[in-house]
N, C-alpha and C. Protein backbone atom coordinates (compact mmCIF):
# COMPACT_ATOMS: atom_id res chain seq x y z
N ASP A 1 134.74 119.19 100.57
CA ASP A 1 134.53 119.40 99.17
C ASP A 1 133.99 118.13 98.49
N LYS A 2 134.51 116.98 98.92
CA LYS A 2 134.12 115.73 98.31
C LYS A 2 132.60 115.51 98.37
N TYR A 3 132.02 115.80 99.53
CA TYR A 3 130.59 115.55 99.73
C TYR A 3 129.76 116.81 99.75
N ASN A 4 130.40 117.95 99.45
CA ASN A 4 129.71 119.25 99.42
C ASN A 4 128.95 119.51 100.70
N LEU A 5 129.64 119.34 101.83
CA LEU A 5 129.00 119.49 103.14
C LEU A 5 128.54 120.91 103.40
N GLY A 6 129.23 121.89 102.85
CA GLY A 6 128.84 123.28 103.08
C GLY A 6 127.42 123.53 102.67
N SER A 7 127.01 123.11 101.50
CA SER A 7 125.65 123.36 101.03
C SER A 7 124.64 122.52 101.82
N VAL A 8 125.02 121.30 102.22
CA VAL A 8 124.13 120.45 102.99
C VAL A 8 123.91 121.11 104.37
N MET A 9 124.98 121.59 104.99
CA MET A 9 124.85 122.19 106.33
C MET A 9 124.05 123.48 106.24
N LYS A 10 124.23 124.24 105.15
CA LYS A 10 123.45 125.46 105.00
C LYS A 10 121.96 125.14 104.85
N GLU A 11 121.65 124.10 104.09
CA GLU A 11 120.25 123.71 103.91
C GLU A 11 119.67 123.26 105.25
N ILE A 12 120.42 122.46 106.01
CA ILE A 12 119.95 121.98 107.31
C ILE A 12 119.71 123.18 108.24
N ARG A 13 120.66 124.08 108.29
CA ARG A 13 120.54 125.27 109.14
C ARG A 13 119.28 126.08 108.76
N GLU A 14 119.08 126.30 107.47
CA GLU A 14 117.89 127.04 107.02
C GLU A 14 116.61 126.31 107.42
N ARG A 15 116.59 125.02 107.23
CA ARG A 15 115.39 124.26 107.57
C ARG A 15 115.14 124.29 109.08
N LEU A 16 116.20 124.18 109.88
CA LEU A 16 116.03 124.27 111.34
C LEU A 16 115.48 125.65 111.73
N ASP A 17 116.04 126.69 111.14
CA ASP A 17 115.56 128.05 111.46
C ASP A 17 114.07 128.17 111.11
N ASN A 18 113.68 127.61 109.98
CA ASN A 18 112.28 127.67 109.56
C ASN A 18 111.40 126.87 110.50
N ILE A 19 111.88 125.71 110.94
CA ILE A 19 111.11 124.87 111.89
C ILE A 19 110.89 125.64 113.19
N LEU A 20 111.97 126.26 113.71
CA LEU A 20 111.83 127.00 114.95
C LEU A 20 110.88 128.20 114.80
N LYS A 21 110.98 128.89 113.68
CA LYS A 21 110.09 130.02 113.39
C LYS A 21 108.64 129.54 113.30
N THR A 22 108.41 128.45 112.58
CA THR A 22 107.06 127.91 112.43
C THR A 22 106.49 127.48 113.78
N GLU A 23 107.31 126.86 114.60
CA GLU A 23 106.86 126.42 115.94
C GLU A 23 106.49 127.63 116.78
N ARG A 24 107.32 128.65 116.77
CA ARG A 24 107.02 129.86 117.57
C ARG A 24 105.70 130.50 117.08
N GLN A 25 105.53 130.61 115.77
CA GLN A 25 104.32 131.19 115.24
C GLN A 25 103.12 130.33 115.59
N GLY A 26 103.28 129.00 115.54
CA GLY A 26 102.18 128.11 115.89
C GLY A 26 101.80 128.22 117.36
N ILE A 27 102.78 128.37 118.21
CA ILE A 27 102.50 128.54 119.67
C ILE A 27 101.72 129.83 119.86
N GLU A 28 102.19 130.90 119.26
CA GLU A 28 101.52 132.20 119.37
C GLU A 28 100.08 132.14 118.83
N ARG A 29 99.91 131.45 117.72
CA ARG A 29 98.57 131.30 117.11
C ARG A 29 97.64 130.53 118.04
N ARG A 30 98.12 129.43 118.59
CA ARG A 30 97.29 128.65 119.51
C ARG A 30 96.96 129.43 120.77
N LEU A 31 97.92 130.19 121.25
CA LEU A 31 97.71 131.02 122.44
C LEU A 31 96.65 132.09 122.15
N GLU A 32 96.77 132.72 121.01
CA GLU A 32 95.77 133.76 120.65
C GLU A 32 94.39 133.15 120.48
N ASP A 33 94.30 131.96 119.86
CA ASP A 33 93.02 131.27 119.75
C ASP A 33 92.42 131.00 121.12
N ALA A 34 93.26 130.53 122.06
CA ALA A 34 92.80 130.24 123.40
C ALA A 34 92.29 131.53 124.11
N ARG A 35 92.99 132.64 123.89
CA ARG A 35 92.57 133.91 124.47
C ARG A 35 91.23 134.38 123.90
N GLN A 36 91.07 134.21 122.62
CA GLN A 36 89.79 134.59 121.98
C GLN A 36 88.65 133.73 122.52
N LYS A 37 88.87 132.45 122.68
CA LYS A 37 87.82 131.56 123.19
C LYS A 37 87.50 131.89 124.63
N ALA A 38 88.52 132.27 125.42
CA ALA A 38 88.30 132.60 126.81
C ALA A 38 87.45 133.88 126.96
N LYS A 39 87.55 134.78 125.99
CA LYS A 39 86.81 136.04 126.03
C LYS A 39 85.33 135.85 125.67
N GLN A 40 85.03 134.81 124.91
CA GLN A 40 83.65 134.57 124.49
C GLN A 40 82.82 134.16 125.71
N GLN A 41 81.79 134.90 125.98
CA GLN A 41 80.96 134.63 127.13
C GLN A 41 79.63 134.04 126.70
N GLY A 42 79.15 133.12 127.52
CA GLY A 42 77.84 132.55 127.29
C GLY A 42 77.74 131.62 126.12
N ILE A 43 78.88 131.20 125.59
CA ILE A 43 78.83 130.27 124.46
C ILE A 43 79.15 128.87 124.97
N GLY A 44 78.24 127.98 124.80
CA GLY A 44 78.45 126.60 125.19
C GLY A 44 78.28 126.39 126.69
N PRO A 45 78.41 125.15 127.13
CA PRO A 45 78.15 124.78 128.52
C PRO A 45 79.34 125.09 129.44
N VAL A 46 80.44 125.61 128.94
CA VAL A 46 81.65 125.81 129.72
C VAL A 46 81.54 127.17 130.45
N SER A 47 81.78 127.16 131.76
CA SER A 47 81.71 128.40 132.53
C SER A 47 82.90 129.28 132.25
N GLN A 48 82.78 130.57 132.59
CA GLN A 48 83.89 131.50 132.43
C GLN A 48 85.07 131.07 133.27
N GLU A 49 84.82 130.55 134.46
CA GLU A 49 85.89 130.09 135.33
C GLU A 49 86.68 128.96 134.64
N MET A 50 85.97 128.06 134.02
CA MET A 50 86.64 126.95 133.31
C MET A 50 87.42 127.47 132.13
N ARG A 51 86.86 128.42 131.39
CA ARG A 51 87.60 129.01 130.25
C ARG A 51 88.88 129.69 130.74
N ASP A 52 88.80 130.37 131.87
CA ASP A 52 89.98 131.03 132.43
C ASP A 52 91.04 130.01 132.84
N LYS A 53 90.61 128.91 133.41
CA LYS A 53 91.56 127.83 133.80
C LYS A 53 92.22 127.24 132.56
N LEU A 54 91.42 127.01 131.52
CA LEU A 54 91.97 126.45 130.30
C LEU A 54 92.96 127.44 129.67
N LEU A 55 92.63 128.71 129.69
CA LEU A 55 93.55 129.70 129.15
C LEU A 55 94.85 129.72 129.94
N LYS A 56 94.76 129.67 131.26
CA LYS A 56 95.96 129.68 132.10
C LYS A 56 96.83 128.46 131.79
N THR A 57 96.19 127.29 131.60
CA THR A 57 96.93 126.08 131.25
C THR A 57 97.63 126.27 129.91
N MET A 58 96.93 126.83 128.93
CA MET A 58 97.51 127.05 127.60
C MET A 58 98.66 128.05 127.70
N GLU A 59 98.49 129.09 128.49
CA GLU A 59 99.56 130.11 128.63
C GLU A 59 100.79 129.47 129.27
N ASP A 60 100.58 128.65 130.30
CA ASP A 60 101.71 127.98 130.96
C ASP A 60 102.42 127.05 130.00
N MET A 61 101.65 126.27 129.24
CA MET A 61 102.25 125.34 128.29
C MET A 61 103.03 126.10 127.19
N ALA A 62 102.42 127.17 126.69
CA ALA A 62 103.10 127.98 125.65
C ALA A 62 104.39 128.59 126.22
N SER A 63 104.32 129.05 127.46
CA SER A 63 105.52 129.64 128.10
C SER A 63 106.63 128.60 128.22
N GLN A 64 106.28 127.40 128.63
CA GLN A 64 107.27 126.33 128.77
C GLN A 64 107.89 126.00 127.42
N HIS A 65 107.06 125.90 126.39
CA HIS A 65 107.60 125.56 125.07
C HIS A 65 108.49 126.67 124.52
N LEU A 66 108.05 127.91 124.69
CA LEU A 66 108.87 129.03 124.21
C LEU A 66 110.20 129.10 124.96
N LYS A 67 110.18 128.79 126.27
CA LYS A 67 111.41 128.75 127.04
C LYS A 67 112.35 127.69 126.48
N LYS A 68 111.80 126.51 126.18
CA LYS A 68 112.64 125.44 125.61
C LYS A 68 113.26 125.88 124.29
N LEU A 69 112.45 126.58 123.48
CA LEU A 69 112.98 127.07 122.20
C LEU A 69 114.09 128.10 122.42
N ASP A 70 113.88 128.98 123.40
CA ASP A 70 114.88 129.99 123.70
C ASP A 70 116.19 129.38 124.21
N GLU A 71 116.08 128.25 124.88
CA GLU A 71 117.25 127.61 125.46
C GLU A 71 117.90 126.58 124.52
N MET A 72 117.44 126.52 123.30
CA MET A 72 118.04 125.58 122.35
C MET A 72 119.52 125.92 122.13
N PRO A 73 120.35 124.89 122.00
CA PRO A 73 121.76 125.15 121.67
C PRO A 73 121.83 125.88 120.33
N SER A 74 122.92 126.58 120.14
CA SER A 74 123.06 127.33 118.89
C SER A 74 123.59 126.46 117.75
N ASP A 75 124.25 125.33 118.11
CA ASP A 75 124.80 124.49 117.06
C ASP A 75 123.74 123.57 116.43
N THR A 76 123.95 123.24 115.18
CA THR A 76 122.98 122.43 114.43
C THR A 76 122.76 121.09 115.06
N GLY A 77 123.81 120.38 115.42
CA GLY A 77 123.67 119.06 116.02
C GLY A 77 122.91 119.10 117.33
N GLY A 78 123.20 120.09 118.15
CA GLY A 78 122.51 120.23 119.43
C GLY A 78 121.03 120.51 119.26
N GLN A 79 120.69 121.35 118.25
CA GLN A 79 119.29 121.64 117.99
C GLN A 79 118.55 120.40 117.51
N ILE A 80 119.19 119.64 116.62
CA ILE A 80 118.54 118.42 116.14
C ILE A 80 118.30 117.45 117.29
N LYS A 81 119.27 117.32 118.16
CA LYS A 81 119.13 116.43 119.31
C LYS A 81 117.97 116.89 120.20
N GLU A 82 117.96 118.18 120.50
CA GLU A 82 116.88 118.72 121.37
C GLU A 82 115.52 118.59 120.71
N LEU A 83 115.43 118.90 119.43
CA LEU A 83 114.14 118.82 118.73
C LEU A 83 113.65 117.39 118.59
N SER A 84 114.58 116.44 118.60
CA SER A 84 114.19 115.03 118.53
C SER A 84 113.41 114.64 119.78
N GLN A 85 113.63 115.33 120.87
CA GLN A 85 112.97 115.03 122.14
C GLN A 85 111.90 116.05 122.48
N TYR A 86 111.69 117.02 121.64
CA TYR A 86 110.78 118.13 121.88
C TYR A 86 109.37 117.74 121.44
N ASP A 87 108.37 118.13 122.24
CA ASP A 87 106.97 117.86 121.92
C ASP A 87 106.37 119.08 121.21
N PHE A 88 106.33 119.02 119.90
CA PHE A 88 105.88 120.16 119.09
C PHE A 88 104.44 120.48 119.38
N MET A 89 104.12 121.78 119.43
CA MET A 89 102.77 122.25 119.53
C MET A 89 102.17 122.51 118.16
N ASP A 90 103.00 122.80 117.18
CA ASP A 90 102.53 123.11 115.84
C ASP A 90 102.74 121.91 114.93
N ASP A 91 101.65 121.45 114.32
CA ASP A 91 101.72 120.26 113.45
C ASP A 91 102.62 120.49 112.22
N ASP A 92 102.61 121.69 111.67
CA ASP A 92 103.45 121.95 110.50
C ASP A 92 104.94 121.91 110.87
N ALA A 93 105.27 122.46 112.00
CA ALA A 93 106.67 122.42 112.48
C ALA A 93 107.10 120.97 112.70
N ARG A 94 106.23 120.15 113.29
CA ARG A 94 106.53 118.73 113.52
C ARG A 94 106.76 118.03 112.19
N ARG A 95 105.89 118.31 111.22
CA ARG A 95 106.01 117.67 109.89
C ARG A 95 107.34 118.08 109.22
N GLN A 96 107.69 119.37 109.33
CA GLN A 96 108.93 119.85 108.74
C GLN A 96 110.13 119.16 109.39
N PHE A 97 110.09 119.00 110.69
CA PHE A 97 111.19 118.35 111.39
C PHE A 97 111.30 116.89 111.00
N GLU A 98 110.17 116.18 110.85
CA GLU A 98 110.18 114.80 110.43
C GLU A 98 110.77 114.69 109.02
N GLU A 99 110.42 115.63 108.15
CA GLU A 99 110.97 115.64 106.78
C GLU A 99 112.48 115.88 106.83
N LEU A 100 112.93 116.77 107.70
CA LEU A 100 114.37 117.01 107.84
C LEU A 100 115.07 115.75 108.30
N MET A 101 114.51 115.08 109.30
CA MET A 101 115.13 113.83 109.79
C MET A 101 115.16 112.78 108.69
N ASP A 102 114.11 112.68 107.90
CA ASP A 102 114.11 111.73 106.79
C ASP A 102 115.21 112.06 105.77
N MET A 103 115.39 113.36 105.48
CA MET A 103 116.43 113.79 104.55
C MET A 103 117.80 113.42 105.11
N LEU A 104 118.02 113.68 106.40
CA LEU A 104 119.31 113.33 107.00
C LEU A 104 119.59 111.86 106.98
N LYS A 105 118.56 111.06 107.23
CA LYS A 105 118.72 109.59 107.17
C LYS A 105 119.07 109.16 105.76
N ARG A 106 118.40 109.77 104.75
CA ARG A 106 118.69 109.40 103.36
C ARG A 106 120.14 109.76 103.00
N HIS A 107 120.57 110.94 103.41
CA HIS A 107 121.96 111.37 103.14
C HIS A 107 122.94 110.41 103.81
N ALA A 108 122.67 110.03 105.04
CA ALA A 108 123.56 109.12 105.76
C ALA A 108 123.60 107.76 105.07
N MET A 109 122.46 107.26 104.66
CA MET A 109 122.42 105.96 104.00
C MET A 109 123.10 106.00 102.62
N GLN A 110 122.91 107.10 101.91
CA GLN A 110 123.59 107.23 100.60
C GLN A 110 125.10 107.26 100.79
N SER A 111 125.56 107.98 101.78
CA SER A 111 126.99 108.05 102.06
C SER A 111 127.49 106.67 102.48
N TYR A 112 126.78 106.00 103.35
CA TYR A 112 127.18 104.67 103.81
C TYR A 112 127.23 103.70 102.63
N ALA A 113 126.19 103.73 101.78
CA ALA A 113 126.15 102.82 100.63
C ALA A 113 127.29 103.13 99.66
N ARG A 114 127.56 104.39 99.44
CA ARG A 114 128.68 104.79 98.55
C ARG A 114 130.01 104.28 99.09
N ASP A 115 130.20 104.42 100.41
CA ASP A 115 131.44 103.94 101.01
C ASP A 115 131.54 102.43 100.98
N LEU A 116 130.39 101.76 101.19
CA LEU A 116 130.37 100.30 101.16
C LEU A 116 130.70 99.80 99.74
N VAL A 117 130.11 100.42 98.74
CA VAL A 117 130.39 100.00 97.36
C VAL A 117 131.87 100.23 97.05
N GLN A 118 132.41 101.35 97.50
CA GLN A 118 133.84 101.63 97.23
C GLN A 118 134.71 100.59 97.93
N SER A 119 134.36 100.22 99.15
CA SER A 119 135.18 99.24 99.86
C SER A 119 135.11 97.88 99.18
N PHE A 120 133.95 97.52 98.62
CA PHE A 120 133.84 96.27 97.87
C PHE A 120 134.68 96.30 96.59
N LYS A 121 134.72 97.46 95.94
CA LYS A 121 135.49 97.56 94.72
C LYS A 121 136.99 97.36 95.00
N ASN A 122 137.42 97.74 96.19
CA ASN A 122 138.83 97.64 96.53
C ASN A 122 139.22 96.29 97.11
N MET A 123 138.27 95.37 97.26
CA MET A 123 138.56 94.06 97.87
C MET A 123 139.15 93.10 96.86
N ASP A 124 139.99 92.26 97.37
CA ASP A 124 140.54 91.20 96.51
C ASP A 124 139.55 90.03 96.51
N PRO A 125 139.66 89.12 95.55
CA PRO A 125 138.73 88.00 95.43
C PRO A 125 138.62 87.13 96.71
N ASN A 126 139.72 86.96 97.44
CA ASN A 126 139.65 86.15 98.66
C ASN A 126 138.77 86.84 99.73
N ALA A 127 138.91 88.15 99.86
CA ALA A 127 138.09 88.88 100.83
C ALA A 127 136.62 88.83 100.44
N LEU A 128 136.34 88.96 99.17
CA LEU A 128 134.94 88.87 98.70
C LEU A 128 134.37 87.47 98.96
N ALA A 129 135.17 86.45 98.75
CA ALA A 129 134.73 85.10 99.03
C ALA A 129 134.41 84.90 100.51
N SER A 130 135.25 85.48 101.36
CA SER A 130 135.01 85.40 102.81
C SER A 130 133.69 86.05 103.18
N ILE A 131 133.41 87.20 102.61
CA ILE A 131 132.16 87.89 102.87
C ILE A 131 130.99 87.07 102.36
N ARG A 132 131.13 86.48 101.20
CA ARG A 132 130.07 85.64 100.64
C ARG A 132 129.79 84.48 101.58
N HIS A 133 130.82 83.86 102.14
CA HIS A 133 130.65 82.76 103.08
C HIS A 133 129.94 83.26 104.37
N LEU A 134 130.32 84.44 104.80
CA LEU A 134 129.68 85.03 105.99
C LEU A 134 128.17 85.20 105.74
N VAL A 135 127.82 85.79 104.61
CA VAL A 135 126.42 86.02 104.29
C VAL A 135 125.66 84.70 104.15
N GLU A 136 126.30 83.71 103.54
CA GLU A 136 125.66 82.39 103.43
C GLU A 136 125.42 81.77 104.79
N ALA A 137 126.39 81.92 105.72
CA ALA A 137 126.24 81.37 107.06
C ALA A 137 125.12 82.09 107.83
N ILE A 138 125.01 83.38 107.65
CA ILE A 138 123.94 84.14 108.30
C ILE A 138 122.59 83.67 107.75
N ASN A 139 122.50 83.55 106.41
CA ASN A 139 121.25 83.08 105.82
C ASN A 139 120.89 81.68 106.33
N GLN A 140 121.87 80.83 106.47
CA GLN A 140 121.62 79.47 106.97
C GLN A 140 121.08 79.53 108.38
N MET A 141 121.66 80.36 109.23
CA MET A 141 121.18 80.47 110.61
C MET A 141 119.72 81.01 110.64
N LEU A 142 119.45 81.99 109.79
CA LEU A 142 118.10 82.55 109.73
C LEU A 142 117.10 81.51 109.26
N GLU A 143 117.47 80.71 108.28
CA GLU A 143 116.57 79.63 107.80
C GLU A 143 116.34 78.63 108.92
N GLN A 144 117.38 78.27 109.66
CA GLN A 144 117.25 77.34 110.78
C GLN A 144 116.27 77.92 111.82
N ARG A 145 116.42 79.18 112.12
CA ARG A 145 115.55 79.83 113.11
C ARG A 145 114.09 79.78 112.61
N LEU A 146 113.88 80.06 111.31
CA LEU A 146 112.52 80.03 110.76
C LEU A 146 111.90 78.64 110.84
N ARG A 147 112.72 77.61 110.76
CA ARG A 147 112.23 76.23 110.86
C ARG A 147 112.04 75.81 112.31
N GLY A 148 112.32 76.69 113.25
CA GLY A 148 112.17 76.36 114.67
C GLY A 148 113.40 75.70 115.28
N GLU A 149 114.48 75.63 114.56
CA GLU A 149 115.70 75.02 115.08
C GLU A 149 116.53 76.12 115.75
N GLU A 150 117.46 75.70 116.59
CA GLU A 150 118.36 76.67 117.22
C GLU A 150 119.71 76.61 116.58
N PRO A 151 120.10 77.65 115.79
CA PRO A 151 121.41 77.65 115.12
C PRO A 151 122.55 77.65 116.10
N ASP A 152 123.70 77.14 115.66
CA ASP A 152 124.89 77.12 116.49
C ASP A 152 125.65 78.45 116.33
N PHE A 153 125.22 79.44 117.12
CA PHE A 153 125.77 80.78 117.00
C PHE A 153 127.23 80.82 117.43
N GLN A 154 127.60 80.03 118.45
CA GLN A 154 128.98 80.01 118.91
C GLN A 154 129.92 79.54 117.80
N LYS A 155 129.53 78.50 117.08
CA LYS A 155 130.35 78.00 115.96
C LYS A 155 130.48 79.08 114.88
N PHE A 156 129.37 79.75 114.61
CA PHE A 156 129.40 80.85 113.64
C PHE A 156 130.40 81.92 114.06
N MET A 157 130.35 82.31 115.33
CA MET A 157 131.26 83.36 115.80
C MET A 157 132.70 82.91 115.82
N GLU A 158 132.95 81.64 116.06
CA GLU A 158 134.32 81.14 115.98
C GLU A 158 134.88 81.28 114.58
N GLN A 159 134.01 81.06 113.61
CA GLN A 159 134.44 81.14 112.22
C GLN A 159 134.47 82.57 111.70
N PHE A 160 133.50 83.39 112.07
CA PHE A 160 133.36 84.71 111.47
C PHE A 160 133.45 85.89 112.43
N GLY A 161 133.81 85.63 113.67
CA GLY A 161 133.83 86.68 114.68
C GLY A 161 134.72 87.86 114.34
N ALA A 162 135.79 87.62 113.59
CA ALA A 162 136.71 88.71 113.24
C ALA A 162 136.03 89.79 112.41
N PHE A 163 134.94 89.47 111.72
CA PHE A 163 134.23 90.46 110.91
C PHE A 163 133.52 91.49 111.75
N PHE A 164 133.32 91.26 113.03
CA PHE A 164 132.49 92.09 113.84
C PHE A 164 133.25 92.99 114.80
N GLY A 165 134.54 93.06 114.67
CA GLY A 165 135.32 94.01 115.47
C GLY A 165 135.44 93.66 116.92
N PRO A 166 135.78 94.67 117.73
CA PRO A 166 136.07 94.45 119.14
C PRO A 166 134.84 94.13 119.99
N GLU A 167 133.66 94.48 119.54
CA GLU A 167 132.43 94.23 120.30
C GLU A 167 131.48 93.40 119.44
N PRO A 168 131.77 92.11 119.30
CA PRO A 168 130.93 91.28 118.44
C PRO A 168 129.58 90.99 119.10
N PRO A 169 128.57 90.66 118.31
CA PRO A 169 127.26 90.32 118.88
C PRO A 169 127.41 89.07 119.75
N GLN A 170 126.55 88.98 120.78
CA GLN A 170 126.62 87.88 121.72
C GLN A 170 125.55 86.81 121.45
N SER A 171 124.64 87.10 120.53
CA SER A 171 123.59 86.13 120.20
C SER A 171 123.11 86.40 118.79
N LEU A 172 122.37 85.45 118.26
CA LEU A 172 121.80 85.64 116.92
C LEU A 172 120.83 86.79 116.91
N ASP A 173 120.06 86.95 117.98
CA ASP A 173 119.13 88.09 118.05
C ASP A 173 119.85 89.41 118.00
N GLU A 174 120.99 89.52 118.68
CA GLU A 174 121.78 90.74 118.65
C GLU A 174 122.35 90.98 117.26
N LEU A 175 122.80 89.90 116.60
CA LEU A 175 123.29 90.02 115.23
C LEU A 175 122.20 90.51 114.30
N ILE A 176 121.02 89.96 114.43
CA ILE A 176 119.88 90.37 113.59
C ILE A 176 119.58 91.84 113.82
N GLU A 177 119.58 92.27 115.07
CA GLU A 177 119.30 93.65 115.41
C GLU A 177 120.33 94.59 114.77
N ARG A 178 121.61 94.19 114.82
CA ARG A 178 122.64 95.02 114.22
C ARG A 178 122.50 95.10 112.68
N LEU A 179 122.14 94.00 112.10
CA LEU A 179 122.00 93.98 110.66
C LEU A 179 120.79 94.80 110.24
């Protein structure tokens, strides 16, 4: 109720259904175009044998893609995972999926930012000061790196390692990547 997940999940489900429908229609459209081109005789330098081979390749590719769509998991998360690795044949379906992923990333970042702001509001002045010192130390290490110097990452971790939980970064590069 707090984050109105029901309506978000319904929207995601509807968008996924539309993406799958668009992809199926796009595959069928490309397949029909390939069949029409294969029927055209005497047009261009391509022999009928070559057109037939191209059509067979397109039919095989369409069949493989439709099979992948048929075998998609029924749950939303599973479909998103599978579609993230799927090679779309229809440009509109690909665009719709990219838009969906952008929307999901925005929702996740908004939720993360909201939670982060709330956690800062609940902190006492000492905890805020500790975080300020942490950020200052990170900035100092980054400035040292930009000047071509090698920051003392071990000393930084001795002082601030508790902020990073049970699996702290092992190098400045890893810290930068996490940030």
